[in-house]
Amino acid sequence: MTPDFWPACGYARLDRNAEGWLVPTPAYLAAWLARPELALVPESCRAEIRLHEALQRDPLRPVPAAELAALKDADARENYTHFLTLRDALLQAGTLEGWLLGLWRSGHVHVPPLFIDLVVQAVLRGLLDGSGEAEPSAFEARAAEMLFRTQRLSTHEGRLLAGDKETLDLQRETHGFGDLGRLLAQAAQPLKAVQMQVLQADNAAAYWAEAARPGGRHSFLLDLTHEIRQELGHGLAFHLTHAHSGLKALSGVLERWVRHLLGVDVRITPQQKIDDPQWRWHLGLDAEASKLLDDLYEDRPVDDERLARLVSLFRLEFSDRRDMRADVAGKPVYLGLMRNAEGVLRCKPQNLLLNLPLARPV
């Protein structure tokens, strides 16, 4: 059985409709009030305390504008406004998936990215619960984190590794000891950095244990190396496909993502280059890759430094060509994944939902 994981996303408090999409419940909405953005602090004014306690009792209650305006702290007013807007929009959409698709298709995204990421995480948690298809591996769960948490990429001993940016930046600043580490660092006290682990088959259980904790850290690195070069001596070498490639795991997650939200079956395979004179359709899984693929498709010059930041290409094929637009039916769709000049990768999972050549709207 798949272990319970990512409890903070609220998946356990959601219901499912007949199509298997996630339905927001009062318990799910109430859980948002415990988040740092909405939780009470010693400085909370009486109006904020009353509002918070009232919403805890009834997360669906209307909140008049005057009640929000009574909050003394401007940040608190803004955070509650965002939460109430999200709450009402989720209830109107009826499902988390319906809200996401409607938001992204509208072209007017005025929701804090953090709120969107938390909803995306809950949807991913739902499609990785093992119901109706093979249970996910730890590699797929870790790869899924790339769709809602920004990654920092680096190369170590010929391997391309993805680490959670927030975790890595915090460790760089505090050596993994939080506020205490920050104070000691300011005092120039030597600290031993907390070691990040590369996810492998022999420590997968440790990943599940970490992911099951309510405040679990994101301390596992994902190996995005798809092929491993083996030297044989005498100038000979051969390439092996990495058995636990993070790119392969990401491909599996993206296949589930498309099937769940668009209702079409696709197969996604990592590849190193596009050698296709019939190249007809492409999309980037992030902003950098979108621009690069556009330039390559239009045969515009691309310098070596920029090409070197390409993490991988992917070939997407529809299982049923009737699901594709008639003018490109049967042709592959090429995807790209790319880090920016600072080594940061911010995936945009909506690109795969909005830009596929579908025969009919979903």
Protein backbone atom coordinates (compact mmCIF):
# COMPACT_ATOMS: atom_id res chain seq x y z
CA MET A 1 0.00 0.00 0.00
CA THR A 2 1.15 3.54 -0.73
CA PRO A 3 2.12 5.26 2.54
CA ASP A 4 0.19 8.36 3.54
CA PHE A 5 2.29 11.35 2.55
CA TRP A 6 2.16 15.16 2.25
CA PRO A 7 -0.46 15.46 5.04
CA ALA A 8 -0.18 19.26 5.09
CA CYS A 9 -1.80 19.53 1.65
CA GLY A 10 -5.15 18.53 3.16
CA TYR A 11 -5.86 15.64 0.80
CA ALA A 12 -7.34 13.49 3.57
CA ARG A 13 -10.01 16.17 4.17
CA LEU A 14 -11.22 16.20 0.56
CA ASP A 15 -14.05 14.23 -1.04
CA ARG A 16 -14.24 12.88 -4.61
CA ASN A 17 -17.03 13.32 -7.12
CA ALA A 18 -18.21 10.67 -9.59
CA GLU A 19 -15.40 11.58 -12.03
CA GLY A 20 -12.76 11.21 -9.32
CA TRP A 21 -12.05 14.93 -8.99
CA LEU A 22 -11.45 16.42 -5.56
CA VAL A 23 -14.31 18.24 -3.83
CA PRO A 24 -13.50 20.90 -1.18
CA THR A 25 -15.07 20.29 2.23
CA PRO A 26 -15.46 22.51 5.31
CA ALA A 27 -12.72 20.49 7.01
CA TYR A 28 -10.33 21.12 4.09
CA LEU A 29 -11.04 24.86 4.15
CA ALA A 30 -10.70 25.02 7.93
CA ALA A 31 -7.24 23.47 7.71
CA TRP A 32 -6.02 26.52 5.78
CA LEU A 33 -6.53 28.61 8.92
CA ALA A 34 -3.64 26.78 10.59
CA ARG A 35 -1.18 27.87 7.91
CA PRO A 36 1.40 30.53 8.91
CA GLU A 37 -0.25 33.06 6.61
CA LEU A 38 -3.54 32.84 8.54
CA ALA A 39 -2.68 31.46 11.98
CA LEU A 40 -3.07 33.76 14.97
CA VAL A 41 0.04 35.37 16.43
CA PRO A 42 0.55 37.25 19.72
CA GLU A 43 0.13 40.54 17.83
CA SER A 44 -3.26 39.58 16.37
CA CYS A 45 -5.90 42.20 17.16
CA ARG A 46 -9.29 41.36 18.66
CA ALA A 47 -11.04 41.66 15.30
CA GLU A 48 -8.64 39.13 13.76
CA ILE A 49 -9.08 36.73 16.68
CA ARG A 50 -12.88 36.93 16.37
CA LEU A 51 -12.74 36.38 12.60
CA HIS A 52 -10.31 33.46 12.90
CA GLU A 53 -12.37 31.72 15.59
CA ALA A 54 -15.61 32.29 13.66
CA LEU A 55 -14.12 30.76 10.51
CA GLN A 56 -12.82 27.80 12.48
CA ARG A 57 -16.37 27.12 13.68
CA ASP A 58 -17.87 27.67 10.24
CA PRO A 59 -15.38 27.87 7.34
CA LEU A 60 -18.26 28.60 4.93
CA ARG A 61 -19.66 31.64 6.72
CA PRO A 62 -19.95 34.90 4.75
CA VAL A 63 -17.47 37.58 5.79
CA PRO A 64 -18.68 41.16 5.18
CA ALA A 65 -16.16 43.70 3.88
CA ALA A 66 -16.52 45.68 7.11
CA GLU A 67 -15.36 42.66 9.12
CA LEU A 68 -12.20 42.40 7.03
CA ALA A 69 -11.60 46.14 7.20
CA ALA A 70 -11.61 45.94 11.01
CA LEU A 71 -8.36 43.96 10.99
CA LYS A 72 -5.60 46.33 12.03
CA ASP A 73 -2.72 44.55 10.31
CA ALA A 74 -2.60 45.18 6.54
CA ASP A 75 -0.88 41.86 5.81
CA ALA A 76 -3.55 39.99 7.76
CA ARG A 77 -6.30 41.76 5.82
CA GLU A 78 -4.61 40.83 2.54
CA ASN A 79 -4.09 37.20 3.53
CA TYR A 80 -7.68 36.75 4.67
CA THR A 81 -8.93 38.43 1.50
CA HIS A 82 -6.92 35.99 -0.63
CA PHE A 83 -8.15 33.03 1.42
CA LEU A 84 -11.81 34.03 1.20
CA THR A 85 -11.49 34.64 -2.54
CA LEU A 86 -9.94 31.19 -2.96
CA ARG A 87 -12.59 29.59 -0.74
CA ASP A 88 -15.47 31.09 -2.68
CA ALA A 89 -13.90 30.25 -6.05
CA LEU A 90 -13.28 26.61 -5.03
CA LEU A 91 -16.85 26.24 -3.84
CA GLN A 92 -18.19 27.78 -7.03
CA ALA A 93 -15.99 25.54 -9.23
CA GLY A 94 -17.01 22.50 -7.20
CA THR A 95 -13.63 20.74 -7.50
CA LEU A 96 -9.98 21.61 -7.11
CA GLU A 97 -9.29 20.44 -10.65
CA GLY A 98 -12.12 22.53 -12.09
CA TRP A 99 -10.86 25.60 -10.26
CA LEU A 100 -7.31 25.13 -11.54
CA LEU A 101 -8.38 24.65 -15.16
CA GLY A 102 -10.73 27.62 -15.01
CA LEU A 103 -8.10 29.84 -13.42
CA TRP A 104 -5.38 28.95 -15.91
CA ARG A 105 -7.65 29.15 -18.93
CA SER A 106 -8.94 32.58 -17.88
CA GLY A 107 -5.53 34.17 -18.40
CA HIS A 108 -6.16 36.34 -15.31
CA VAL A 109 -4.28 34.77 -12.43
CA HIS A 110 -4.49 37.04 -9.40
CA VAL A 111 -4.09 34.31 -6.78
CA PRO A 112 -0.85 34.13 -4.75
CA PRO A 113 1.42 31.45 -6.26
CA LEU A 114 1.65 29.72 -2.87
CA PHE A 115 -2.11 29.13 -2.83
CA ILE A 116 -2.02 27.67 -6.35
CA ASP A 117 0.92 25.43 -5.43
CA LEU A 118 -0.96 24.05 -2.42
CA VAL A 119 -3.98 23.18 -4.57
CA VAL A 120 -1.73 21.60 -7.22
CA GLN A 121 -0.07 19.56 -4.47
CA ALA A 122 -3.43 18.26 -3.26
CA VAL A 123 -4.42 17.27 -6.81
CA LEU A 124 -1.09 15.49 -7.33
CA ARG A 125 -1.49 13.75 -3.99
CA GLY A 126 -4.85 12.51 -5.20
CA LEU A 127 -3.62 11.14 -8.51
CA LEU A 128 -0.68 9.46 -6.76
CA ASP A 129 -2.77 7.63 -4.19
CA GLY A 130 -2.60 4.40 -6.19
CA SER A 131 -6.33 4.15 -6.80
CA GLY A 132 -7.14 2.62 -10.18
CA GLU A 133 -3.54 2.31 -11.37
CA ALA A 134 -0.08 1.27 -10.26
CA GLU A 135 0.97 2.66 -6.91
CA PRO A 136 3.54 5.44 -7.21
CA SER A 137 7.18 4.96 -6.39
CA ALA A 138 9.12 7.29 -4.10
CA PHE A 139 10.81 8.56 -7.27
CA GLU A 140 7.45 9.58 -8.76
CA ALA A 141 6.37 11.29 -5.55
CA ARG A 142 9.65 13.20 -5.38
CA ALA A 143 9.40 14.08 -9.09
CA ALA A 144 5.85 15.34 -8.49
CA GLU A 145 7.27 17.87 -6.02
CA MET A 146 8.86 19.60 -9.02
CA LEU A 147 5.38 20.68 -10.15
CA PHE A 148 4.66 22.73 -7.03
CA ARG A 149 8.05 23.51 -5.46
CA THR A 150 10.87 25.42 -7.13
CA GLN A 151 14.06 23.41 -7.66
CA ARG A 152 17.73 24.37 -7.62
CA LEU A 153 19.87 22.27 -9.98
CA SER A 154 23.54 21.43 -9.70
CA THR A 155 26.00 18.95 -11.15
CA HIS A 156 27.92 16.56 -8.91
CA GLU A 157 30.30 13.87 -10.22
CA GLY A 158 28.64 14.00 -13.60
CA ARG A 159 25.10 13.72 -12.21
CA LEU A 160 22.48 16.43 -12.57
CA LEU A 161 20.70 16.78 -9.22
CA ALA A 162 17.53 18.69 -8.35
CA GLY A 163 17.06 19.92 -4.80
CA ASP A 164 14.26 21.86 -3.19
CA LYS A 165 15.25 25.52 -3.55
CA GLU A 166 13.69 26.72 -0.31
CA THR A 167 15.37 23.93 1.66
CA LEU A 168 18.76 24.46 0.04
CA ASP A 169 18.61 28.23 0.49
CA LEU A 170 17.65 27.84 4.14
CA GLN A 171 20.50 25.42 4.76
CA ARG A 172 22.91 27.74 3.02
CA GLU A 173 21.82 30.55 5.33
CA THR A 174 21.34 28.65 8.59
CA HIS A 175 23.17 25.33 8.07
CA GLY A 176 19.82 23.60 8.57
CA PHE A 177 19.31 24.82 12.13
CA GLY A 178 16.59 27.40 11.47
CA ASP A 179 16.58 30.57 13.57
CA LEU A 180 19.27 29.16 15.87
CA GLY A 181 21.52 28.52 12.88
CA ARG A 182 20.89 32.03 11.59
CA LEU A 183 21.97 33.53 14.92
CA LEU A 184 25.06 31.34 15.15
CA ALA A 185 25.98 32.13 11.55
CA GLN A 186 25.76 35.84 12.35
CA ALA A 187 28.06 35.20 15.30
CA ALA A 188 30.50 33.38 12.98
CA GLN A 189 30.16 30.12 14.92
CA PRO A 190 31.17 27.01 12.93
CA LEU A 191 28.25 24.73 12.08
CA LYS A 192 28.07 21.41 10.30
CA ALA A 193 25.62 21.53 7.40
CA VAL A 194 22.76 19.03 7.35
CA GLN A 195 23.40 16.55 4.57
CA MET A 196 20.93 16.28 1.70
CA GLN A 197 20.35 12.76 0.40
CA VAL A 198 20.12 11.65 -3.22
CA LEU A 199 16.97 9.54 -3.51
CA GLN A 200 17.86 5.93 -4.30
CA ALA A 201 16.16 2.57 -4.04
CA ASP A 202 17.84 1.82 -0.72
CA ASN A 203 16.62 4.99 1.00
CA ALA A 204 13.13 5.20 -0.52
CA ALA A 205 11.61 4.22 2.84
CA ALA A 206 13.29 7.25 4.40
CA TYR A 207 11.68 9.47 1.77
CA TRP A 208 8.23 8.10 2.60
CA ALA A 209 8.86 8.60 6.32
CA GLU A 210 9.89 12.21 5.76
CA ALA A 211 6.96 12.89 3.42
CA ALA A 212 4.53 11.49 6.00
CA ARG A 213 5.49 14.03 8.68
CA PRO A 214 3.20 17.09 8.91
CA GLY A 215 6.21 19.39 8.91
CA GLY A 216 8.45 17.14 6.85
CA ARG A 217 11.48 18.67 5.21
CA HIS A 218 12.23 18.43 1.50
CA SER A 219 15.76 17.10 1.91
CA PHE A 220 15.94 14.51 -0.87
CA LEU A 221 17.73 15.32 -4.11
CA LEU A 222 16.37 13.87 -7.34
CA ASP A 223 18.84 12.56 -9.89
CA LEU A 224 17.81 13.90 -13.29
CA THR A 225 20.55 12.02 -15.14
CA HIS A 226 18.81 9.91 -17.76
CA GLU A 227 21.84 8.15 -19.20
CA ILE A 228 25.03 7.04 -17.46
CA ARG A 229 28.29 6.84 -19.39
CA GLN A 230 30.36 3.77 -18.55
CA GLU A 231 34.06 3.85 -19.49
CA LEU A 232 35.44 0.54 -20.74
CA GLY A 233 39.02 1.63 -21.29
CA HIS A 234 40.98 1.90 -24.54
CA GLY A 235 38.78 4.86 -25.49
CA LEU A 236 35.62 2.77 -25.45
CA ALA A 237 32.43 3.68 -23.61
CA PHE A 238 28.74 2.87 -23.65
CA HIS A 239 25.62 4.51 -22.27
CA LEU A 240 23.13 2.92 -19.90
CA THR A 241 19.66 4.26 -19.19
CA HIS A 242 19.55 5.20 -15.52
CA ALA A 243 17.18 2.72 -13.87
CA HIS A 244 15.86 5.31 -11.39
CA SER A 245 16.08 8.40 -13.54
CA GLY A 246 14.16 11.33 -12.10
CA LEU A 247 13.24 12.24 -15.68
CA LYS A 248 11.57 8.87 -16.18
CA ALA A 249 9.68 9.34 -12.91
CA LEU A 250 8.66 12.86 -13.95
CA SER A 251 7.41 11.49 -17.27
CA GLY A 252 5.16 9.05 -15.42
CA VAL A 253 3.78 11.84 -13.22
CA LEU A 254 3.05 14.03 -16.25
CA GLU A 255 1.26 11.15 -17.96
CA ARG A 256 -0.99 10.81 -14.91
CA TRP A 257 -1.47 14.61 -14.78
CA VAL A 258 -2.71 14.76 -18.39
CA ARG A 259 -4.91 11.68 -18.04
CA HIS A 260 -6.50 12.97 -14.83
CA LEU A 261 -7.20 16.54 -15.91
CA LEU A 262 -7.71 16.21 -19.66
CA GLY A 263 -8.99 12.64 -19.92
CA VAL A 264 -6.57 11.60 -22.67
CA ASP A 265 -3.89 8.93 -22.58
CA VAL A 266 -0.37 9.96 -23.56
CA ARG A 267 3.07 8.41 -23.36
CA ILE A 268 6.01 10.66 -22.46
CA THR A 269 9.61 9.60 -22.99
CA PRO A 270 12.78 11.57 -22.15
CA GLN A 271 15.14 12.10 -25.07
CA GLN A 272 18.33 14.02 -25.74
CA LYS A 273 17.58 15.72 -29.05
CA ILE A 274 14.89 16.42 -31.62
CA ASP A 275 15.84 14.85 -34.94
CA ASP A 276 12.54 15.13 -36.74
CA PRO A 277 12.07 16.87 -40.12
CA GLN A 278 8.32 16.71 -39.46
CA TRP A 279 8.56 18.64 -36.16
CA ARG A 280 5.13 20.25 -35.85
CA TRP A 281 4.32 20.94 -32.19
CA HIS A 282 6.22 21.73 -29.00
CA LEU A 283 5.78 23.30 -25.59
CA GLY A 284 7.99 24.12 -22.65
CA LEU A 285 7.37 22.81 -19.14
CA ASP A 286 8.78 26.11 -17.87
CA ALA A 287 9.22 29.63 -19.22
CA GLU A 288 12.88 29.18 -20.20
CA ALA A 289 12.22 25.98 -22.16
CA SER A 290 9.26 27.58 -23.95
CA LYS A 291 11.48 30.36 -25.29
CA LEU A 292 14.30 27.98 -26.23
CA LEU A 293 12.05 25.60 -28.16
CA ASP A 294 10.47 28.53 -30.00
CA ASP A 295 13.92 29.73 -31.04
CA LEU A 296 15.06 26.27 -32.14
CA TYR A 297 11.84 25.71 -34.08
CA GLU A 298 12.21 29.04 -35.87
CA ASP A 299 15.91 28.26 -36.52
CA ARG A 300 17.08 31.32 -34.60
CA PRO A 301 20.64 31.21 -33.25
CA VAL A 302 21.05 29.86 -29.70
CA ASP A 303 24.37 30.15 -27.86
CA ASP A 304 26.08 27.21 -26.18
CA GLU A 305 25.61 28.52 -22.64
CA ARG A 306 21.86 28.62 -23.10
CA LEU A 307 21.73 25.17 -24.69
CA ALA A 308 23.73 23.78 -21.78
CA ARG A 309 20.94 24.80 -19.41
CA LEU A 310 18.49 22.46 -21.11
CA VAL A 311 17.78 19.66 -18.63
CA SER A 312 15.95 17.35 -21.00
CA LEU A 313 13.65 17.04 -23.97
CA PHE A 314 10.65 14.72 -24.01
CA ARG A 315 8.61 13.07 -26.74
CA LEU A 316 4.87 12.98 -26.03
CA GLU A 317 2.67 10.69 -28.09
CA PHE A 318 -1.11 10.37 -27.90
CA SER A 319 -2.39 6.81 -27.47
CA ASP A 320 -5.36 7.66 -29.68
CA ARG A 321 -4.66 10.03 -32.58
CA ARG A 322 -8.35 10.96 -32.61
CA ASP A 323 -7.69 12.96 -29.43
CA MET A 324 -5.41 15.27 -31.46
CA ARG A 325 -6.17 18.11 -33.82
CA ALA A 326 -6.60 16.75 -37.33
CA ASP A 327 -3.73 18.80 -38.79
CA VAL A 328 -1.17 17.25 -36.40
CA ALA A 329 -2.79 13.88 -35.70
CA GLY A 330 -0.19 11.15 -35.33
CA LYS A 331 2.69 13.60 -34.90
CA PRO A 332 4.69 13.70 -31.63
CA VAL A 333 4.64 16.70 -29.31
CA TYR A 334 8.07 17.73 -28.04
CA LEU A 335 8.49 19.04 -24.50
CA GLY A 336 11.42 20.83 -22.91
CA LEU A 337 12.64 21.29 -19.33
CA MET A 338 15.24 23.96 -18.59
CA ARG A 339 16.93 25.75 -15.69
CA ASN A 340 17.61 29.48 -15.75
CA ALA A 341 21.00 31.17 -15.59
CA GLU A 342 21.00 30.87 -11.78
CA GLY A 343 20.37 27.12 -11.92
CA VAL A 344 16.75 27.47 -10.80
CA LEU A 345 13.89 25.49 -12.33
CA ARG A 346 10.27 26.56 -11.87
CA CYS A 347 7.93 24.11 -13.60
CA LYS A 348 4.61 25.33 -14.98
CA PRO A 349 2.33 22.27 -14.97
CA GLN A 350 -0.44 24.34 -16.58
CA ASN A 351 1.55 24.49 -19.84
CA LEU A 352 0.86 20.82 -20.47
CA LEU A 353 -2.87 21.37 -19.95
CA LEU A 354 -3.26 24.54 -21.97
CA ASN A 355 -1.01 23.93 -24.96
CA LEU A 356 -1.57 20.39 -26.17
CA PRO A 357 -3.14 20.09 -29.67
CA LEU A 358 -6.44 18.59 -28.50
CA ALA A 359 -9.18 17.73 -30.97
CA ARG A 360 -11.83 19.13 -28.64
CA PRO A 361 -11.90 21.29 -25.52
CA VAL A 362 -12.04 19.48 -22.19
